Amino acid sequence: MTLGQKIKELRESNGMFQRQLASILEIGDGFLSKVESDQKPLKREHLKTISETFNCSFSELEALWIGSKVYDIVKDEKEGLNALKVAEKQMKYEKK
């Protein structure tokens, strides 16, 4: 699941229109539409507002946000998947 998909799911399951959430986030509803379809990135500071609005995990939203950023970096790279594996090993090594 992408961040955009998660935001759309949260919004719809709470019976909220895009224009309502866009107003809460102080962004345009057209921009929110693009966020939900993963065409535009959302600012990190919006995650807290979304978490509070829908009473959901900030950590989950942040992980999806970071994942989107990482994906944007490696998606067109021939060795993108291998680079992710290397990064995962480095993360595990750093946590020891």
Protein backbone atom coordinates (compact mmCIF):
# COMPACT_ATOMS: atom_id res chain seq x y z
CA MET A 1 0.00 0.00 0.00
CA THR A 2 1.25 3.47 -0.84
CA LEU A 3 0.84 6.58 1.29
CA GLY A 4 -1.66 7.96 -1.21
CA GLN A 5 -3.72 4.79 -1.06
CA LYS A 6 -3.63 4.84 2.75
CA ILE A 7 -4.78 8.47 2.90
CA LYS A 8 -7.63 7.75 0.49
CA GLU A 9 -8.64 4.68 2.50
CA LEU A 10 -8.63 6.64 5.77
CA ARG A 11 -10.58 9.53 4.25
CA GLU A 12 -13.22 7.34 2.61
CA SER A 13 -13.66 5.04 5.62
CA ASN A 14 -14.40 8.15 7.68
CA GLY A 15 -16.90 9.49 5.16
CA MET A 16 -14.82 12.56 4.38
CA PHE A 17 -14.68 14.34 1.05
CA GLN A 18 -11.36 15.32 -0.52
CA ARG A 19 -12.19 18.99 -0.15
CA GLN A 20 -12.73 18.51 3.60
CA LEU A 21 -9.36 16.84 4.17
CA ALA A 22 -7.65 19.29 1.84
CA SER A 23 -9.04 22.13 3.94
CA ILE A 24 -7.73 20.53 7.15
CA LEU A 25 -4.30 20.10 5.54
CA GLU A 26 -4.47 23.61 4.03
CA ILE A 27 -3.80 22.33 0.51
CA GLY A 28 -5.89 22.36 -2.64
CA ASP A 29 -8.32 19.52 -3.25
CA GLY A 30 -6.77 18.99 -6.70
CA PHE A 31 -3.38 18.56 -5.04
CA LEU A 32 -4.84 16.07 -2.57
CA SER A 33 -6.32 14.14 -5.48
CA LYS A 34 -2.82 13.86 -6.96
CA VAL A 35 -1.40 12.81 -3.58
CA GLU A 36 -3.99 10.05 -3.32
CA SER A 37 -3.12 8.81 -6.81
CA ASP A 38 0.62 8.97 -5.99
CA GLN A 39 1.32 11.68 -8.55
CA LYS A 40 2.46 14.29 -6.00
CA PRO A 41 4.33 13.96 -2.71
CA LEU A 42 2.88 15.19 0.55
CA LYS A 43 5.02 17.16 2.99
CA ARG A 44 6.18 15.27 6.04
CA GLU A 45 4.54 17.76 8.41
CA HIS A 46 1.12 16.79 7.02
CA LEU A 47 1.50 13.28 8.42
CA LYS A 48 0.92 14.43 12.00
CA THR A 49 -2.29 16.20 11.02
CA ILE A 50 -3.52 13.11 9.15
CA SER A 51 -2.60 10.89 12.11
CA GLU A 52 -4.50 13.13 14.52
CA THR A 53 -7.47 13.62 12.19
CA PHE A 54 -8.05 9.91 11.67
CA ASN A 55 -6.58 8.66 14.97
CA CYS A 56 -4.14 6.40 13.15
CA SER A 57 -0.49 5.47 13.56
CA PHE A 58 1.94 8.26 12.75
CA SER A 59 4.70 5.65 12.46
CA GLU A 60 2.82 3.77 9.75
CA LEU A 61 2.21 6.96 7.78
CA GLU A 62 5.85 7.98 8.16
CA ALA A 63 7.06 4.56 6.97
CA LEU A 64 4.85 4.83 3.89
CA TRP A 65 6.11 8.39 3.28
CA ILE A 66 9.76 7.32 3.53
CA GLY A 67 9.08 4.27 1.37
CA SER A 68 7.67 6.51 -1.36
CA LYS A 69 10.80 8.66 -1.27
CA VAL A 70 13.08 5.62 -1.49
CA TYR A 71 11.01 4.18 -4.33
CA ASP A 72 11.27 7.44 -6.29
CA ILE A 73 15.06 7.22 -6.03
CA VAL A 74 15.47 3.60 -7.14
CA LYS A 75 12.50 2.94 -9.43
CA ASP A 76 14.32 3.68 -12.69
CA GLU A 77 17.66 2.22 -11.65
CA LYS A 78 18.77 -1.05 -13.23
CA GLU A 79 20.22 -2.16 -9.89
CA GLY A 80 17.47 -0.58 -7.78
CA LEU A 81 16.33 -3.80 -6.13
CA ASN A 82 19.91 -4.82 -5.35
CA ALA A 83 20.54 -1.36 -3.89
CA LEU A 84 17.54 -1.80 -1.57
CA LYS A 85 18.92 -5.13 -0.40
CA VAL A 86 22.29 -3.52 0.32
CA ALA A 87 20.57 -0.71 2.23
CA GLU A 88 18.58 -3.23 4.25
CA LYS A 89 21.77 -5.05 5.24
CA GLN A 90 23.37 -1.75 6.21
CA MET A 91 20.36 -0.83 8.34
CA LYS A 92 20.51 -4.17 10.15
CA TYR A 93 24.25 -3.79 10.68
CA GLU A 94 23.81 -0.28 12.13
CA LYS A 95 21.19 -1.48 14.62
CA LYS A 96 23.50 -4.10 16.17
